[in-house]
């Protein structure tokens, strides 16, 4: 889940024949977008949970914080891969 589909997009692009572009893989692109949405939803859920517990999102160092960090970094990585593919 952590960036696999977006990585597949970039890998597919890199594995293409030199000097030729492959056909746009809309299916894999859409799956990468869905993966971004999953990360976004998980990130929002973890932040909401921390706020409900009265924790400061920026300074708390608990499991939810590190989980949110992983989802945030995965989301950024996916977006970078999607932009590189386009």
PDB file of N, CA and C in Angstrom:
ATOM      1  N   UNK A   1       0.809  -1.190   0.000  1.00  0.00           N
ATOM      2  CA  UNK A   1       0.000   0.000   0.000  1.00  0.00           C
ATOM      3  C   UNK A   1       0.858   1.263   0.000  1.00  0.00           C
ATOM      4  N   UNK A   2       2.015   1.239   0.571  1.00  0.00           N
ATOM      5  CA  UNK A   2       2.808   2.458   0.740  1.00  0.00           C
ATOM      6  C   UNK A   2       3.595   2.801  -0.515  1.00  0.00           C
ATOM      7  N   UNK A   3       2.889   3.214  -1.551  1.00  0.00           N
ATOM      8  CA  UNK A   3       3.535   3.690  -2.759  1.00  0.00           C
ATOM      9  C   UNK A   3       3.792   2.653  -3.822  1.00  0.00           C
ATOM     10  N   UNK A   4       3.206   1.494  -3.693  1.00  0.00           N
ATOM     11  CA  UNK A   4       3.480   0.425  -4.664  1.00  0.00           C
ATOM     12  C   UNK A   4       2.961   0.752  -6.059  1.00  0.00           C
ATOM     13  N   UNK A   5       1.750   1.230  -6.144  1.00  0.00           N
ATOM     14  CA  UNK A   5       1.147   1.489  -7.460  1.00  0.00           C
ATOM     15  C   UNK A   5       1.850   2.641  -8.171  1.00  0.00           C
ATOM     16  N   UNK A   6       2.160   3.700  -7.442  1.00  0.00           N
ATOM     17  CA  UNK A   6       2.862   4.825  -8.060  1.00  0.00           C
ATOM     18  C   UNK A   6       4.260   4.402  -8.494  1.00  0.00           C
ATOM     19  N   UNK A   7       4.905   3.569  -7.692  1.00  0.00           N
ATOM     20  CA  UNK A   7       6.226   3.051  -8.062  1.00  0.00           C
ATOM     21  C   UNK A   7       6.134   2.222  -9.343  1.00  0.00           C
ATOM     22  N   UNK A   8       5.081   1.417  -9.456  1.00  0.00           N
ATOM     23  CA  UNK A   8       4.888   0.612 -10.667  1.00  0.00           C
ATOM     24  C   UNK A   8       4.757   1.506 -11.902  1.00  0.00           C
ATOM     25  N   UNK A   9       4.088   2.644 -11.750  1.00  0.00           N
ATOM     26  CA  UNK A   9       3.956   3.584 -12.865  1.00  0.00           C
ATOM     27  C   UNK A   9       5.324   4.085 -13.326  1.00  0.00           C
ATOM     28  N   UNK A  10       6.129   4.522 -12.378  1.00  0.00           N
ATOM     29  CA  UNK A  10       7.445   5.056 -12.720  1.00  0.00           C
ATOM     30  C   UNK A  10       8.329   3.962 -13.292  1.00  0.00           C
ATOM     31  N   UNK A  11       8.252   2.771 -12.710  1.00  0.00           N
ATOM     32  CA  UNK A  11       9.053   1.647 -13.200  1.00  0.00           C
ATOM     33  C   UNK A  11       8.650   1.296 -14.632  1.00  0.00           C
ATOM     34  N   UNK A  12       7.350   1.279 -14.901  1.00  0.00           N
ATOM     35  CA  UNK A  12       6.862   0.990 -16.251  1.00  0.00           C
ATOM     36  C   UNK A  12       7.395   2.021 -17.244  1.00  0.00           C
ATOM     37  N   UNK A  13       7.380   3.275 -16.839  1.00  0.00           N
ATOM     38  CA  UNK A  13       7.883   4.341 -17.701  1.00  0.00           C
ATOM     39  C   UNK A  13       9.386   4.179 -17.952  1.00  0.00           C
ATOM     40  N   UNK A  14      10.130   3.867 -16.891  1.00  0.00           N
ATOM     41  CA  UNK A  14      11.586   3.725 -17.006  1.00  0.00           C
ATOM     42  C   UNK A  14      11.977   2.501 -17.825  1.00  0.00           C
ATOM     43  N   UNK A  15      11.168   1.448 -17.773  1.00  0.00           N
ATOM     44  CA  UNK A  15      11.474   0.212 -18.497  1.00  0.00           C
ATOM     45  C   UNK A  15      11.121   0.283 -19.980  1.00  0.00           C
ATOM     46  N   UNK A  16      10.528   1.376 -20.389  1.00  0.00           N
ATOM     47  CA  UNK A  16      10.131   1.519 -21.791  1.00  0.00           C
ATOM     48  C   UNK A  16      11.341   1.599 -22.710  1.00  0.00           C
ATOM     49  N   UNK A  17      11.086   1.345 -23.965  1.00  0.00           N
ATOM     50  CA  UNK A  17      12.144   1.395 -24.967  1.00  0.00           C
ATOM     51  C   UNK A  17      12.653   2.829 -25.106  1.00  0.00           C
ATOM     52  N   UNK A  18      13.955   2.974 -25.141  1.00  0.00           N
ATOM     53  CA  UNK A  18      14.560   4.303 -25.208  1.00  0.00           C
ATOM     54  C   UNK A  18      14.110   5.030 -26.482  1.00  0.00           C
ATOM     55  N   UNK A  19      13.667   6.265 -26.303  1.00  0.00           N
ATOM     56  CA  UNK A  19      13.231   7.067 -27.433  1.00  0.00           C
ATOM     57  C   UNK A  19      11.766   6.899 -27.793  1.00  0.00           C
ATOM     58  N   UNK A  20      11.059   5.999 -27.101  1.00  0.00           N
ATOM     59  CA  UNK A  20       9.640   5.763 -27.383  1.00  0.00           C
ATOM     60  C   UNK A  20       8.842   5.839 -26.086  1.00  0.00           C
ATOM     61  N   UNK A  21       7.705   6.486 -26.162  1.00  0.00           N
ATOM     62  CA  UNK A  21       6.815   6.555 -25.009  1.00  0.00           C
ATOM     63  C   UNK A  21       5.813   5.418 -25.065  1.00  0.00           C
ATOM     64  N   UNK A  22       5.551   4.836 -23.903  1.00  0.00           N
ATOM     65  CA  UNK A  22       4.518   3.800 -23.826  1.00  0.00           C
ATOM     66  C   UNK A  22       3.144   4.460 -23.790  1.00  0.00           C
ATOM     67  N   UNK A  23       2.139   3.675 -24.083  1.00  0.00           N
ATOM     68  CA  UNK A  23       0.756   4.143 -23.998  1.00  0.00           C
ATOM     69  C   UNK A  23       0.449   4.450 -22.533  1.00  0.00           C
ATOM     70  N   UNK A  24      -0.268   5.548 -22.315  1.00  0.00           N
ATOM     71  CA  UNK A  24      -0.639   5.959 -20.963  1.00  0.00           C
ATOM     72  C   UNK A  24      -1.435   4.849 -20.300  1.00  0.00           C
ATOM     73  N   UNK A  25      -0.977   4.410 -19.132  1.00  0.00           N
ATOM     74  CA  UNK A  25      -1.628   3.327 -18.400  1.00  0.00           C
ATOM     75  C   UNK A  25      -2.663   3.931 -17.453  1.00  0.00           C
ATOM     76  N   UNK A  26      -3.848   4.159 -17.966  1.00  0.00           N
ATOM     77  CA  UNK A  26      -4.902   4.802 -17.192  1.00  0.00           C
ATOM     78  C   UNK A  26      -5.327   3.955 -15.991  1.00  0.00           C
ATOM     79  N   UNK A  27      -5.377   2.643 -16.163  1.00  0.00           N
ATOM     80  CA  UNK A  27      -5.803   1.760 -15.069  1.00  0.00           C
ATOM     81  C   UNK A  27      -4.847   1.855 -13.880  1.00  0.00           C
ATOM     82  N   UNK A  28      -3.559   1.757 -14.139  1.00  0.00           N
ATOM     83  CA  UNK A  28      -2.573   1.834 -13.062  1.00  0.00           C
ATOM     84  C   UNK A  28      -2.529   3.243 -12.469  1.00  0.00           C
ATOM     85  N   UNK A  29      -2.701   4.244 -13.312  1.00  0.00           N
ATOM     86  CA  UNK A  29      -2.749   5.628 -12.839  1.00  0.00           C
ATOM     87  C   UNK A  29      -3.915   5.809 -11.865  1.00  0.00           C
ATOM     88  N   UNK A  30      -5.084   5.284 -12.224  1.00  0.00           N
ATOM     89  CA  UNK A  30      -6.262   5.383 -11.350  1.00  0.00           C
ATOM     90  C   UNK A  30      -6.047   4.639 -10.036  1.00  0.00           C
ATOM     91  N   UNK A  31      -5.390   3.480 -10.092  1.00  0.00           N
ATOM     92  CA  UNK A  31      -5.107   2.738  -8.860  1.00  0.00           C
ATOM     93  C   UNK A  31      -4.146   3.513  -7.962  1.00  0.00           C
ATOM     94  N   UNK A  32      -3.199   4.214  -8.558  1.00  0.00           N
ATOM     95  CA  UNK A  32      -2.283   5.043  -7.771  1.00  0.00           C
ATOM     96  C   UNK A  32      -3.043   6.197  -7.119  1.00  0.00           C
ATOM     97  N   UNK A  33      -4.005   6.767  -7.839  1.00  0.00           N
ATOM     98  CA  UNK A  33      -4.850   7.825  -7.268  1.00  0.00           C
ATOM     99  C   UNK A  33      -5.668   7.267  -6.103  1.00  0.00           C
ATOM    100  N   UNK A  34      -6.212   6.071  -6.268  1.00  0.00           N
ATOM    101  CA  UNK A  34      -6.973   5.437  -5.186  1.00  0.00           C
ATOM    102  C   UNK A  34      -6.083   5.214  -3.969  1.00  0.00           C
ATOM    103  N   UNK A  35      -4.840   4.810  -4.208  1.00  0.00           N
ATOM    104  CA  UNK A  35      -3.896   4.614  -3.111  1.00  0.00           C
ATOM    105  C   UNK A  35      -3.649   5.944  -2.389  1.00  0.00           C
ATOM    106  N   UNK A  36      -3.549   7.034  -3.133  1.00  0.00           N
ATOM    107  CA  UNK A  36      -3.402   8.361  -2.526  1.00  0.00           C
ATOM    108  C   UNK A  36      -4.612   8.680  -1.648  1.00  0.00           C
ATOM    109  N   UNK A  37      -5.794   8.376  -2.144  1.00  0.00           N
ATOM    110  CA  UNK A  37      -7.007   8.619  -1.362  1.00  0.00           C
ATOM    111  C   UNK A  37      -7.023   7.790  -0.086  1.00  0.00           C
ATOM    112  N   UNK A  38      -6.558   6.543  -0.157  1.00  0.00           N
ATOM    113  CA  UNK A  38      -6.481   5.696   1.037  1.00  0.00           C
ATOM    114  C   UNK A  38      -5.521   6.292   2.063  1.00  0.00           C
ATOM    115  N   UNK A  39      -4.369   6.760   1.596  1.00  0.00           N
ATOM    116  CA  UNK A  39      -3.406   7.395   2.508  1.00  0.00           C
ATOM    117  C   UNK A  39      -3.997   8.657   3.123  1.00  0.00           C
ATOM    118  N   UNK A  40      -4.679   9.442   2.309  1.00  0.00           N
ATOM    119  CA  UNK A  40      -5.284  10.676   2.813  1.00  0.00           C
ATOM    120  C   UNK A  40      -6.329  10.367   3.882  1.00  0.00           C
ATOM    121  N   UNK A  41      -7.177   9.386   3.629  1.00  0.00           N
ATOM    122  CA  UNK A  41      -8.208   9.016   4.606  1.00  0.00           C
ATOM    123  C   UNK A  41      -7.591   8.496   5.897  1.00  0.00           C
ATOM    124  N   UNK A  42      -6.553   7.671   5.780  1.00  0.00           N
ATOM    125  CA  UNK A  42      -5.879   7.146   6.972  1.00  0.00           C
ATOM    126  C   UNK A  42      -5.219   8.280   7.748  1.00  0.00           C
ATOM    127  N   UNK A  43      -4.599   9.202   7.040  1.00  0.00           N
ATOM    128  CA  UNK A  43      -3.953  10.351   7.680  1.00  0.00           C
ATOM    129  C   UNK A  43      -4.979  11.192   8.428  1.00  0.00           C
ATOM    130  N   UNK A  44      -6.095  11.487   7.794  1.00  0.00           N
ATOM    131  CA  UNK A  44      -7.143  12.275   8.437  1.00  0.00           C
ATOM    132  C   UNK A  44      -7.700  11.566   9.669  1.00  0.00           C
ATOM    133  N   UNK A  45      -7.861  10.259   9.569  1.00  0.00           N
ATOM    134  CA  UNK A  45      -8.377   9.477  10.694  1.00  0.00           C
ATOM    135  C   UNK A  45      -7.425   9.529  11.888  1.00  0.00           C
ATOM    136  N   UNK A  46      -6.134   9.385  11.623  1.00  0.00           N
ATOM    137  CA  UNK A  46      -5.151   9.421  12.708  1.00  0.00           C
ATOM    138  C   UNK A  46      -5.071  10.809  13.340  1.00  0.00           C
ATOM    139  N   UNK A  47      -5.126  11.838  12.533  1.00  0.00           N
ATOM    140  CA  UNK A  47      -5.092  13.203  13.068  1.00  0.00           C
ATOM    141  C   UNK A  47      -6.336  13.476  13.902  1.00  0.00           C
ATOM    142  N   UNK A  48      -7.487  13.038  13.400  1.00  0.00           N
ATOM    143  CA  UNK A  48      -8.738  13.214  14.142  1.00  0.00           C
ATOM    144  C   UNK A  48      -8.665  12.495  15.489  1.00  0.00           C
ATOM    145  N   UNK A  49      -8.107  11.278  15.495  1.00  0.00           N
ATOM    146  CA  UNK A  49      -7.984  10.506  16.734  1.00  0.00           C
ATOM    147  C   UNK A  49      -7.095  11.229  17.739  1.00  0.00           C
ATOM    148  N   UNK A  50      -5.997  11.791  17.262  1.00  0.00           N
ATOM    149  CA  UNK A  50      -5.105  12.524  18.157  1.00  0.00           C
ATOM    150  C   UNK A  50      -5.794  13.760  18.726  1.00  0.00           C
ATOM    151  N   UNK A  51      -6.550  14.456  17.903  1.00  0.00           N
ATOM    152  CA  UNK A  51      -7.254  15.647  18.366  1.00  0.00           C
ATOM    153  C   UNK A  51      -8.327  15.289  19.384  1.00  0.00           C
ATOM    154  N   UNK A  52      -9.011  14.161  19.176  1.00  0.00           N
ATOM    155  CA  UNK A  52     -10.033  13.717  20.125  1.00  0.00           C
ATOM    156  C   UNK A  52      -9.422  13.356  21.469  1.00  0.00           C
ATOM    157  N   UNK A  53      -8.175  12.874  21.440  1.00  0.00           N
ATOM    158  CA  UNK A  53      -7.476  12.534  22.679  1.00  0.00           C
ATOM    159  C   UNK A  53      -6.868  13.767  23.340  1.00  0.00           C
ATOM    160  N   UNK A  54      -7.016  14.919  22.704  1.00  0.00           N
ATOM    161  CA  UNK A  54      -6.498  16.159  23.260  1.00  0.00           C
ATOM    162  C   UNK A  54      -5.001  16.335  23.073  1.00  0.00           C
ATOM    163  N   UNK A  55      -4.420  15.599  22.145  1.00  0.00           N
ATOM    164  CA  UNK A  55      -2.982  15.690  21.900  1.00  0.00           C
ATOM    165  C   UNK A  55      -2.689  16.743  20.837  1.00  0.00           C
ATOM    166  N   UNK A  56      -1.566  17.395  20.980  1.00  0.00           N
ATOM    167  CA  UNK A  56      -1.113  18.360  19.977  1.00  0.00           C
ATOM    168  C   UNK A  56      -0.491  17.581  18.825  1.00  0.00           C
ATOM    169  N   UNK A  57      -1.058  17.717  17.652  1.00  0.00           N
ATOM    170  CA  UNK A  57      -0.639  16.938  16.485  1.00  0.00           C
ATOM    171  C   UNK A  57       0.826  17.201  16.142  1.00  0.00           C
ATOM    172  N   UNK A  58       1.278  18.442  16.278  1.00  0.00           N
ATOM    173  CA  UNK A  58       2.644  18.804  15.896  1.00  0.00           C
ATOM    174  C   UNK A  58       3.702  18.294  16.873  1.00  0.00           C
ATOM    175  N   UNK A  59       3.346  18.112  18.144  1.00  0.00           N
ATOM    176  CA  UNK A  59       4.367  17.783  19.145  1.00  0.00           C
ATOM    177  C   UNK A  59       4.233  16.386  19.740  1.00  0.00           C
ATOM    178  N   UNK A  60       3.091  15.755  19.607  1.00  0.00           N
ATOM    179  CA  UNK A  60       2.896  14.415  20.190  1.00  0.00           C
ATOM    180  C   UNK A  60       3.793  13.410  19.484  1.00  0.00           C
ATOM    181  N   UNK A  61       4.345  12.501  20.253  1.00  0.00           N
ATOM    182  CA  UNK A  61       5.200  11.448  19.684  1.00  0.00           C
ATOM    183  C   UNK A  61       4.667  10.097  20.161  1.00  0.00           C
ATOM    184  N   UNK A  62       3.596   9.665  19.515  1.00  0.00           N
ATOM    185  CA  UNK A  62       2.996   8.382  19.856  1.00  0.00           C
ATOM    186  C   UNK A  62       2.772   7.589  18.574  1.00  0.00           C
ATOM    187  N   UNK A  63       2.132   6.442  18.690  1.00  0.00           N
ATOM    188  CA  UNK A  63       1.926   5.568  17.529  1.00  0.00           C
ATOM    189  C   UNK A  63       1.122   6.270  16.439  1.00  0.00           C
ATOM    190  N   UNK A  64       0.117   7.046  16.833  1.00  0.00           N
ATOM    191  CA  UNK A  64      -0.697   7.750  15.843  1.00  0.00           C
ATOM    192  C   UNK A  64       0.130   8.789  15.088  1.00  0.00           C
ATOM    193  N   UNK A  65       1.016   9.463  15.810  1.00  0.00           N
ATOM    194  CA  UNK A  65       1.871  10.468  15.167  1.00  0.00           C
ATOM    195  C   UNK A  65       2.748   9.826  14.101  1.00  0.00           C
ATOM    196  N   UNK A  66       3.398   8.728  14.459  1.00  0.00           N
ATOM    197  CA  UNK A  66       4.298   8.082  13.504  1.00  0.00           C
ATOM    198  C   UNK A  66       3.527   7.415  12.360  1.00  0.00           C
ATOM    199  N   UNK A  67       2.345   6.904  12.649  1.00  0.00           N
ATOM    200  CA  UNK A  67       1.497   6.367  11.587  1.00  0.00           C
ATOM    201  C   UNK A  67       1.079   7.457  10.617  1.00  0.00           C
ATOM    202  N   UNK A  68       0.706   8.615  11.167  1.00  0.00           N
ATOM    203  CA  UNK A  68       0.327   9.752  10.325  1.00  0.00           C
ATOM    204  C   UNK A  68       1.516  10.213   9.487  1.00  0.00           C
ATOM    205  N   UNK A  69       2.697  10.207  10.081  1.00  0.00           N
ATOM    206  CA  UNK A  69       3.900  10.606   9.351  1.00  0.00           C
ATOM    207  C   UNK A  69       4.157   9.672   8.170  1.00  0.00           C
ATOM    208  N   UNK A  70       4.011   8.379   8.392  1.00  0.00           N
ATOM    209  CA  UNK A  70       4.222   7.404   7.319  1.00  0.00           C
ATOM    210  C   UNK A  70       3.211   7.617   6.193  1.00  0.00           C
ATOM    211  N   UNK A  71       1.953   7.814   6.552  1.00  0.00           N
ATOM    212  CA  UNK A  71       0.929   8.045   5.525  1.00  0.00           C
ATOM    213  C   UNK A  71       1.181   9.360   4.783  1.00  0.00           C
ATOM    214  N   UNK A  72       1.613  10.377   5.517  1.00  0.00           N
ATOM    215  CA  UNK A  72       1.906  11.665   4.887  1.00  0.00           C
ATOM    216  C   UNK A  72       3.063  11.537   3.890  1.00  0.00           C
ATOM    217  N   UNK A  73       4.136  10.884   4.305  1.00  0.00           N
ATOM    218  CA  UNK A  73       5.291  10.714   3.417  1.00  0.00           C
ATOM    219  C   UNK A  73       4.949   9.837   2.218  1.00  0.00           C
ATOM    220  N   UNK A  74       4.123   8.816   2.434  1.00  0.00           N
ATOM    221  CA  UNK A  74       3.694   7.961   1.323  1.00  0.00           C
ATOM    222  C   UNK A  74       2.846   8.745   0.334  1.00  0.00           C
ATOM    223  N   UNK A  75       2.000   9.604   0.849  1.00  0.00           N
ATOM    224  CA  UNK A  75       1.160  10.443  -0.004  1.00  0.00           C
ATOM    225  C   UNK A  75       2.016  11.390  -0.844  1.00  0.00           C
ATOM    226  N   UNK A  76       3.007  12.000  -0.231  1.00  0.00           N
ATOM    227  CA  UNK A  76       3.907  12.898  -0.967  1.00  0.00           C
ATOM    228  C   UNK A  76       4.669  12.129  -2.037  1.00  0.00           C
ATOM    229  N   UNK A  77       5.163  10.947  -1.687  1.00  0.00           N
ATOM    230  CA  UNK A  77       5.908  10.134  -2.649  1.00  0.00           C
ATOM    231  C   UNK A  77       5.021   9.746  -3.832  1.00  0.00           C
ATOM    232  N   UNK A  78       3.795   9.325  -3.536  1.00  0.00           N
ATOM    233  CA  UNK A  78       2.864   8.962  -4.608  1.00  0.00           C
ATOM    234  C   UNK A  78       2.605  10.144  -5.535  1.00  0.00           C
ATOM    235  N   UNK A  79       2.410  11.308  -4.959  1.00  0.00           N
ATOM    236  CA  UNK A  79       2.154  12.494  -5.778  1.00  0.00           C
ATOM    237  C   UNK A  79       3.353  12.805  -6.669  1.00  0.00           C
ATOM    238  N   UNK A  80       4.554  12.665  -6.118  1.00  0.00           N
ATOM    239  CA  UNK A  80       5.759  12.896  -6.929  1.00  0.00           C
ATOM    240  C   UNK A  80       5.837  11.918  -8.082  1.00  0.00           C
ATOM    241  N   UNK A  81       5.536  10.644  -7.806  1.00  0.00           N
ATOM    242  CA  UNK A  81       5.562   9.618  -8.857  1.00  0.00           C
ATOM    243  C   UNK A  81       4.506   9.899  -9.922  1.00  0.00           C
ATOM    244  N   UNK A  82       3.321  10.300  -9.501  1.00  0.00           N
ATOM    245  CA  UNK A  82       2.256  10.617 -10.456  1.00  0.00           C
ATOM    246  C   UNK A  82       2.653  11.797 -11.335  1.00  0.00           C
ATOM    247  N   UNK A  83       3.259  12.809 -10.740  1.00  0.00           N
ATOM    248  CA  UNK A  83       3.694  13.968 -11.518  1.00  0.00           C
ATOM    249  C   UNK A  83       4.803  13.582 -12.491  1.00  0.00           C
ATOM    250  N   UNK A  84       5.703  12.709 -12.078  1.00  0.00           N
ATOM    251  CA  UNK A  84       6.779  12.263 -12.966  1.00  0.00           C
ATOM    252  C   UNK A  84       6.209  11.467 -14.135  1.00  0.00           C
ATOM    253  N   UNK A  85       5.178  10.686 -13.873  1.00  0.00           N
ATOM    254  CA  UNK A  85       4.576   9.864 -14.924  1.00  0.00           C
ATOM    255  C   UNK A  85       3.867  10.721 -15.964  1.00  0.00           C
ATOM    256  N   UNK A  86       3.206  11.770 -15.490  1.00  0.00           N
ATOM    257  CA  UNK A  86       2.467  12.649 -16.399  1.00  0.00           C
ATOM    258  C   UNK A  86       3.457  13.509 -17.142  1.00  0.00           C
TER     259      UNK A  86
END
